[in-house]
């Protein structure tokens, strides 16, 4: 009897220890969560002076892709770029199984690598499918680009907070048209196909859905994504990149950015849709009319040593900062951090974000502030 009691007591003790460990682990997990918010963003780009890049110098690579997958046969007998792109979209959806749980790894893999490295039964990510569509379009002389939609920070979802779509330039309509390759369709208004920025501004609930999926189901599933839209400045394929920066359109009246992972890429934020509408056939220019330079921020990825370093406990994020004007990066400017005197900076520099309020101001002359952003880090 005593032996049985000892065993029961032992089990109870183990359960209690497990319970305490569980509580501590839960507490640790909760305490390790953080909240990085942009509470002020007096740094929106309002001009039109950015060159965007398209196409490729590696024509032979695209020709090989076209030949191997018979892209010209896929798009044969089409009236315009929209009809061609729909045929390519249908081929991609037939031959590439989509898995929404597969991570979108940002790699330099081209369409040929993606298709050759997979067996037919293997699923593909959102970005892999858009990459194949984009390169097939370009191989068929359709100018195309990949863009990323992002939900607002206040939107709660179990799904991925971002979603990749493509846009094709249509000569007939003289505009960009959004192609949702994953859901197999596009959006229109009074039979006019729309760009992604059009959809954001007009509101998807008021528009026509041209898709295999029912309009109501599509709107319910996708409406949360049409808050912000990001494209690359350099959309070329296979070329050495002239820029690693992005442009993000946000349709709000606030002096802040309320989107998920806003500093994931080095991006210029704008409320002006011009850059997203400009023809890819427009010649690149030298600009000199930007009145105010714009700061560009990007999160610095922490390495394992940085994560394990106890002296870095106060540092919550590290940002790389540069300043952009007239389609190029500025060589010299002045920065004030948390009210400190303005200090000259050259090209790029890093700043450490600590718990609480972090304020960064930009000046051209080291005296007058012309841009200001504020981050708040809570734990």
Protein backbone atom coordinates (compact mmCIF):
# COMPACT_ATOMS: atom_id res chain seq x y z
CA UNK A 1 0.00 0.00 0.00
CA UNK A 2 2.83 2.33 0.95
CA UNK A 3 4.61 1.47 -2.27
CA UNK A 4 1.47 2.29 -4.28
CA UNK A 5 1.11 5.58 -2.42
CA UNK A 6 4.74 6.47 -3.17
CA UNK A 7 4.19 5.80 -6.88
CA UNK A 8 1.05 7.98 -6.91
CA UNK A 9 2.86 10.78 -5.04
CA UNK A 10 5.73 10.56 -7.50
CA UNK A 11 3.38 10.87 -10.45
CA UNK A 12 1.67 13.86 -8.85
CA UNK A 13 5.04 15.56 -8.32
CA UNK A 14 6.00 14.94 -11.94
CA UNK A 15 2.67 16.37 -13.09
CA UNK A 16 3.19 19.46 -10.91
CA UNK A 17 6.73 19.93 -12.28
CA UNK A 18 5.40 19.58 -15.82
CA UNK A 19 2.65 22.10 -15.07
CA UNK A 20 5.15 24.63 -13.68
CA UNK A 21 7.51 24.11 -16.61
CA UNK A 22 4.54 24.54 -18.96
CA UNK A 23 3.56 27.78 -17.26
CA UNK A 24 7.12 29.09 -17.39
CA UNK A 25 7.46 28.09 -21.03
CA UNK A 26 4.15 29.80 -21.86
CA UNK A 27 5.29 32.87 -19.95
CA UNK A 28 8.60 32.82 -21.81
CA UNK A 29 6.87 32.49 -25.16
CA UNK A 30 4.56 35.39 -24.35
CA UNK A 31 7.42 37.55 -23.12
CA UNK A 32 9.44 36.78 -26.24
CA UNK A 33 6.69 38.19 -28.46
CA UNK A 34 7.30 41.73 -29.60
CA UNK A 35 5.44 44.44 -31.35
CA UNK A 36 7.30 46.74 -33.75
CA UNK A 37 5.04 49.59 -34.85
CA UNK A 38 5.49 52.54 -37.18
CA UNK A 39 3.57 55.31 -35.43
CA UNK A 40 4.68 58.24 -37.62
CA UNK A 41 5.72 58.26 -41.28
CA UNK A 42 6.32 61.77 -42.58
CA UNK A 43 8.33 60.12 -45.36
CA UNK A 44 5.90 59.32 -48.19
CA UNK A 45 7.30 59.84 -51.68
CA UNK A 46 5.04 62.21 -53.64
CA UNK A 47 7.00 62.69 -56.88
CA UNK A 48 7.17 60.74 -60.16
CA UNK A 49 10.92 60.63 -60.65
CA UNK A 50 11.81 56.95 -60.42
CA UNK A 51 13.01 54.82 -63.32
CA UNK A 52 11.54 51.32 -63.43
CA UNK A 53 13.28 48.56 -65.39
CA UNK A 54 11.82 45.69 -67.44
CA UNK A 55 12.83 43.01 -69.94
CA UNK A 56 16.15 41.18 -70.22
CA UNK A 57 19.45 41.30 -72.03
CA UNK A 58 19.58 37.49 -71.92
CA UNK A 59 17.28 36.96 -74.89
CA UNK A 60 18.75 33.52 -75.57
CA UNK A 61 17.71 32.21 -72.14
CA UNK A 62 14.12 33.32 -72.73
CA UNK A 63 14.19 31.81 -76.22
CA UNK A 64 15.29 28.46 -74.75
CA UNK A 65 12.50 28.62 -72.17
CA UNK A 66 9.98 29.42 -74.91
CA UNK A 67 11.22 26.55 -77.06
CA UNK A 68 11.36 23.93 -74.29
CA UNK A 69 7.85 24.62 -72.99
CA UNK A 70 6.35 25.65 -76.35
CA UNK A 71 5.14 28.99 -75.08
CA UNK A 72 4.39 30.21 -78.61
CA UNK A 73 2.05 27.24 -79.05
CA UNK A 74 0.34 28.01 -75.74
CA UNK A 75 -0.44 31.59 -76.79
CA UNK A 76 -1.18 30.91 -80.47
CA UNK A 77 -4.21 32.60 -82.07
CA UNK A 78 -4.61 35.16 -79.27
CA UNK A 79 -6.01 38.65 -79.88
CA UNK A 80 -3.94 40.60 -77.36
CA UNK A 81 -1.66 40.39 -74.32
CA UNK A 82 -4.58 39.71 -71.96
CA UNK A 83 -5.75 36.68 -73.89
CA UNK A 84 -2.18 35.41 -74.17
CA UNK A 85 -1.58 35.83 -70.46
CA UNK A 86 -4.81 33.97 -69.61
CA UNK A 87 -3.66 31.03 -71.74
CA UNK A 88 -0.30 31.02 -69.96
CA UNK A 89 -2.10 31.27 -66.61
CA UNK A 90 -4.22 28.22 -67.52
CA UNK A 91 -1.11 26.23 -68.48
CA UNK A 92 0.60 27.13 -65.21
CA UNK A 93 -2.44 26.20 -63.13
CA UNK A 94 -2.78 22.88 -64.95
CA UNK A 95 0.88 21.94 -64.57
CA UNK A 96 1.78 23.41 -61.18
CA UNK A 97 0.00 22.28 -58.03
CA UNK A 98 -0.34 25.15 -55.54
CA UNK A 99 0.24 24.69 -51.81
CA UNK A 100 -0.71 27.73 -49.73
CA UNK A 101 1.34 26.41 -46.81
CA UNK A 102 4.57 26.29 -48.79
CA UNK A 103 6.84 29.17 -47.85
CA UNK A 104 7.67 31.85 -50.40
CA UNK A 105 11.45 31.71 -50.39
CA UNK A 106 12.93 34.73 -52.11
CA UNK A 107 15.58 33.12 -54.27
CA UNK A 108 17.11 33.82 -57.65
CA UNK A 109 15.62 30.68 -59.17
CA UNK A 110 14.26 31.12 -62.66
CA UNK A 111 11.31 29.33 -64.25
CA UNK A 112 13.46 26.58 -65.79
CA UNK A 113 15.11 25.80 -62.43
CA UNK A 114 11.75 25.76 -60.64
CA UNK A 115 10.12 23.44 -63.16
CA UNK A 116 13.10 21.11 -63.52
CA UNK A 117 13.71 20.74 -59.78
CA UNK A 118 10.18 19.49 -59.08
CA UNK A 119 8.31 16.34 -59.82
CA UNK A 120 4.78 16.77 -61.12
CA UNK A 121 3.30 15.55 -57.85
CA UNK A 122 5.22 18.11 -55.78
CA UNK A 123 3.47 21.36 -54.78
CA UNK A 124 4.69 24.87 -55.57
CA UNK A 125 4.61 28.10 -53.60
CA UNK A 126 2.73 31.26 -54.55
CA UNK A 127 5.98 32.96 -55.57
CA UNK A 128 7.26 29.98 -57.60
CA UNK A 129 4.03 29.87 -59.61
CA UNK A 130 4.14 33.63 -60.24
CA UNK A 131 7.80 33.39 -61.27
CA UNK A 132 7.04 30.76 -63.92
CA UNK A 133 4.06 32.77 -65.20
CA UNK A 134 6.15 35.96 -65.32
CA UNK A 135 9.00 34.39 -67.30
CA UNK A 136 6.68 32.55 -69.68
CA UNK A 137 5.00 35.90 -70.43
CA UNK A 138 8.33 37.59 -71.06
CA UNK A 139 9.43 34.73 -73.30
CA UNK A 140 6.25 35.32 -75.33
CA UNK A 141 6.97 39.07 -75.67
CA UNK A 142 4.45 40.06 -72.99
CA UNK A 143 5.87 42.57 -70.52
CA UNK A 144 5.09 41.27 -67.06
CA UNK A 145 6.02 41.89 -63.44
CA UNK A 146 5.45 40.27 -60.05
CA UNK A 147 3.92 42.25 -57.18
CA UNK A 148 3.09 41.54 -53.57
CA UNK A 149 -0.17 42.40 -51.81
CA UNK A 150 -0.03 42.84 -48.03
CA UNK A 151 -2.75 43.01 -45.39
CA UNK A 152 -3.00 45.82 -42.86
CA UNK A 153 -1.43 45.35 -39.44
CA UNK A 154 -4.86 45.42 -37.80
CA UNK A 155 -6.20 42.52 -39.91
CA UNK A 156 -6.26 39.20 -38.10
CA UNK A 157 -5.76 36.12 -40.26
CA UNK A 158 -4.38 32.61 -40.01
CA UNK A 159 -3.31 32.84 -43.65
CA UNK A 160 -0.09 34.29 -44.99
CA UNK A 161 -0.13 38.10 -44.51
CA UNK A 162 1.06 38.61 -48.10
CA UNK A 163 0.01 37.30 -51.50
CA UNK A 164 1.82 37.46 -54.85
CA UNK A 165 0.08 38.40 -58.09
CA UNK A 166 1.34 39.34 -61.55
CA UNK A 167 0.60 42.25 -63.86
CA UNK A 168 0.91 42.33 -67.65
CA UNK A 169 1.20 45.41 -69.83
CA UNK A 170 -1.64 45.49 -72.34
CA UNK A 171 -1.13 47.61 -75.45
CA UNK A 172 -4.83 47.50 -76.38
CA UNK A 173 -5.90 49.09 -73.08
CA UNK A 174 -2.60 50.96 -72.59
CA UNK A 175 -2.41 49.87 -68.97
CA UNK A 176 -1.24 47.24 -66.50
CA UNK A 177 -3.69 44.40 -65.81
CA UNK A 178 -3.55 42.31 -62.65
CA UNK A 179 -3.51 38.55 -63.19
CA UNK A 180 -4.21 36.43 -60.12
CA UNK A 181 -2.51 33.24 -61.25
CA UNK A 182 -3.31 31.30 -58.08
CA UNK A 183 -7.06 31.90 -58.26
CA UNK A 184 -7.19 31.88 -62.04
CA UNK A 185 -8.56 35.23 -63.07
CA UNK A 186 -8.52 39.02 -63.17
CA UNK A 187 -10.68 41.92 -61.98
CA UNK A 188 -12.62 44.36 -64.16
CA UNK A 189 -15.03 47.29 -64.01
CA UNK A 190 -17.57 47.70 -66.81
CA UNK A 191 -15.54 45.23 -68.90
CA UNK A 192 -12.33 47.23 -68.39
CA UNK A 193 -9.57 45.02 -66.89
CA UNK A 194 -7.95 46.64 -63.87
CA UNK A 195 -4.49 46.95 -62.41
CA UNK A 196 -3.74 46.00 -58.81
CA UNK A 197 -3.67 49.64 -57.70
CA UNK A 198 -7.04 50.19 -59.42
CA UNK A 199 -8.51 47.39 -57.31
CA UNK A 200 -7.04 48.83 -54.10
CA UNK A 201 -8.45 52.29 -54.81
CA UNK A 202 -11.87 51.22 -56.06
CA UNK A 203 -12.43 48.44 -53.53
CA UNK A 204 -12.74 44.84 -54.68
CA UNK A 205 -16.31 44.49 -53.37
CA UNK A 206 -17.54 46.92 -56.06
CA UNK A 207 -15.87 45.16 -59.00
CA UNK A 208 -16.38 42.25 -61.41
CA UNK A 209 -14.38 39.06 -60.86
CA UNK A 210 -13.48 37.15 -64.02
CA UNK A 211 -12.45 33.78 -62.61
CA UNK A 212 -13.32 30.10 -62.28
CA UNK A 213 -14.11 30.86 -58.65
CA UNK A 214 -17.43 32.42 -57.63
CA UNK A 215 -17.18 36.23 -57.25
CA UNK A 216 -18.48 36.21 -53.67
CA UNK A 217 -16.05 33.52 -52.58
CA UNK A 218 -13.14 35.30 -54.25
CA UNK A 219 -13.99 38.66 -52.67
CA UNK A 220 -14.36 37.13 -49.22
CA UNK A 221 -11.04 35.33 -49.50
CA UNK A 222 -9.01 38.08 -51.14
CA UNK A 223 -10.41 41.42 -49.91
CA UNK A 224 -8.07 41.53 -46.89
CA UNK A 225 -4.98 41.60 -49.12
CA UNK A 226 -5.81 44.81 -51.00
CA UNK A 227 -4.28 47.20 -48.49
CA UNK A 228 -0.74 47.69 -49.81
CA UNK A 229 1.02 46.69 -53.03
CA UNK A 230 4.77 46.35 -53.60
CA UNK A 231 6.74 46.01 -56.84
CA UNK A 232 10.45 45.96 -57.60
CA UNK A 233 12.11 48.99 -59.12
CA UNK A 234 14.16 46.60 -61.25
CA UNK A 235 11.82 44.01 -62.77
CA UNK A 236 14.32 42.67 -65.30
CA UNK A 237 14.93 38.94 -65.68
CA UNK A 238 18.42 37.39 -65.43
CA UNK A 239 20.11 40.83 -65.65
CA UNK A 240 22.52 42.30 -63.11
CA UNK A 241 20.19 44.47 -61.05
CA UNK A 242 20.42 48.26 -61.20
CA UNK A 243 18.45 48.56 -57.95
CA UNK A 244 17.51 46.26 -55.08
CA UNK A 245 14.81 48.65 -53.85
CA UNK A 246 11.03 48.43 -54.06
CA UNK A 247 8.07 50.80 -54.34
CA UNK A 248 4.99 50.29 -52.16
CA UNK A 249 1.58 51.86 -52.76
CA UNK A 250 -0.67 52.48 -49.75
CA UNK A 251 -4.16 53.88 -50.12
CA UNK A 252 -4.80 55.66 -46.81
CA UNK A 253 -4.99 59.17 -45.40
CA UNK A 254 -2.87 58.48 -42.34
CA UNK A 255 0.61 59.79 -41.65
CA UNK A 256 1.78 56.29 -40.80
CA UNK A 257 2.20 52.81 -42.26
CA UNK A 258 -0.21 50.19 -40.97
CA UNK A 259 0.87 47.09 -42.89
CA UNK A 260 2.34 43.75 -41.89
CA UNK A 261 6.15 43.52 -42.07
CA UNK A 262 6.56 47.05 -43.50
CA UNK A 263 10.36 47.08 -43.44
CA UNK A 264 10.88 43.58 -44.81
CA UNK A 265 12.24 45.07 -48.05
CA UNK A 266 14.07 48.36 -48.67
CA UNK A 267 11.04 50.18 -50.05
CA UNK A 268 9.87 53.67 -50.97
CA UNK A 269 6.29 54.24 -49.79
CA UNK A 270 3.89 56.35 -51.80
CA UNK A 271 0.21 57.28 -52.02
CA UNK A 272 0.66 58.36 -55.64
CA UNK A 273 -0.31 55.62 -58.12
CA UNK A 274 1.62 57.15 -61.04
CA UNK A 275 4.65 54.85 -60.70
CA UNK A 276 2.37 51.81 -60.85
CA UNK A 277 0.64 53.04 -64.02
CA UNK A 278 3.58 54.29 -66.09
CA UNK A 279 4.23 52.43 -69.34
CA UNK A 280 7.19 50.01 -69.28
CA UNK A 281 8.05 51.28 -72.75
CA UNK A 282 8.74 54.79 -71.45
CA UNK A 283 12.42 55.67 -71.74
CA UNK A 284 14.50 55.99 -68.59
CA UNK A 285 15.48 59.56 -67.74
CA UNK A 286 17.85 61.58 -65.62
CA UNK A 287 15.80 63.39 -63.02
CA UNK A 288 16.64 66.53 -61.05
CA UNK A 289 13.27 67.83 -59.90
CA UNK A 290 12.70 65.99 -56.59
CA UNK A 291 12.19 68.68 -53.97
CA UNK A 292 12.62 66.48 -50.90
CA UNK A 293 14.76 63.34 -50.49
CA UNK A 294 13.17 60.23 -48.99
CA UNK A 295 14.52 57.82 -46.40
CA UNK A 296 14.59 54.09 -47.17
CA UNK A 297 14.61 51.54 -44.33
CA UNK A 298 15.27 47.83 -44.29
CA UNK A 299 15.52 45.39 -41.40
CA UNK A 300 18.95 43.87 -40.85
CA UNK A 301 18.78 40.10 -40.43
CA UNK A 302 20.30 39.00 -37.14
CA UNK A 303 22.90 36.27 -37.32
CA UNK A 304 23.18 33.54 -34.69
CA UNK A 305 26.03 35.31 -32.90
CA UNK A 306 23.94 38.47 -32.59
CA UNK A 307 21.00 36.53 -31.17
CA UNK A 308 23.16 34.82 -28.56
CA UNK A 309 25.04 37.94 -27.51
CA UNK A 310 23.73 39.01 -24.08
CA UNK A 311 25.01 42.57 -24.52
CA UNK A 312 22.44 43.03 -27.31
CA UNK A 313 19.40 42.52 -25.05
CA UNK A 314 18.40 46.19 -25.28
CA UNK A 315 18.60 46.16 -29.08
CA UNK A 316 15.27 44.97 -30.48
CA UNK A 317 15.77 45.65 -34.18
CA UNK A 318 18.57 46.91 -36.39
CA UNK A 319 17.73 48.95 -39.47
CA UNK A 320 19.80 49.85 -42.51
CA UNK A 321 18.98 53.37 -43.73
CA UNK A 322 19.70 55.17 -46.98
CA UNK A 323 18.33 58.33 -48.61
CA UNK A 324 16.84 58.44 -52.09
CA UNK A 325 16.40 61.36 -54.50
CA UNK A 326 15.90 61.64 -58.28
CA UNK A 327 16.05 57.87 -58.84
CA UNK A 328 19.40 57.40 -57.08
CA UNK A 329 20.85 57.18 -53.58
CA UNK A 330 22.20 60.33 -51.92
CA UNK A 331 25.88 60.45 -51.02
CA UNK A 332 25.57 62.95 -48.16
CA UNK A 333 22.80 63.93 -45.72
CA UNK A 334 22.18 64.57 -42.01
CA UNK A 335 20.36 62.42 -39.46
CA UNK A 336 19.09 63.07 -35.93
CA UNK A 337 18.21 60.07 -33.75
CA UNK A 338 15.99 60.51 -30.69
CA UNK A 339 16.56 64.26 -30.50
CA UNK A 340 20.35 64.16 -30.87
CA UNK A 341 22.16 66.85 -32.94
CA UNK A 342 22.14 66.23 -36.69
CA UNK A 343 25.09 64.12 -37.79
CA UNK A 344 26.40 63.77 -41.34
CA UNK A 345 25.93 60.37 -42.98
CA UNK A 346 27.23 59.00 -46.25
CA UNK A 347 25.16 56.61 -48.39
CA UNK A 348 24.06 53.92 -45.91
CA UNK A 349 24.24 53.48 -42.15
CA UNK A 350 22.72 51.25 -39.47
CA UNK A 351 20.63 52.28 -36.48
CA UNK A 352 19.66 50.19 -33.48
CA UNK A 353 16.01 50.24 -32.40
CA UNK A 354 15.46 49.85 -28.66
CA UNK A 355 12.40 49.30 -26.51
CA UNK A 356 10.07 52.31 -26.45
CA UNK A 357 9.89 55.26 -28.83
CA UNK A 358 12.57 55.71 -31.52
CA UNK A 359 12.57 58.92 -33.57
CA UNK A 360 14.62 59.56 -36.74
CA UNK A 361 14.78 62.90 -38.60
CA UNK A 362 16.37 63.77 -41.94
CA UNK A 363 17.94 67.10 -42.91
CA UNK A 364 19.65 68.41 -46.03
CA UNK A 365 21.63 71.13 -44.26
CA UNK A 366 22.09 69.68 -40.77
CA UNK A 367 19.70 72.24 -39.26
CA UNK A 368 16.15 71.90 -40.57
CA UNK A 369 14.20 68.65 -40.40
CA UNK A 370 12.52 67.71 -43.70
CA UNK A 371 11.49 64.11 -42.97
CA UNK A 372 10.56 62.33 -39.76
CA UNK A 373 9.63 58.78 -38.80
CA UNK A 374 8.92 57.22 -35.41
CA UNK A 375 8.99 53.56 -34.39
CA UNK A 376 7.67 52.09 -31.18
CA UNK A 377 8.83 48.76 -29.87
CA UNK A 378 6.72 47.08 -27.18
CA UNK A 379 7.35 43.84 -25.32
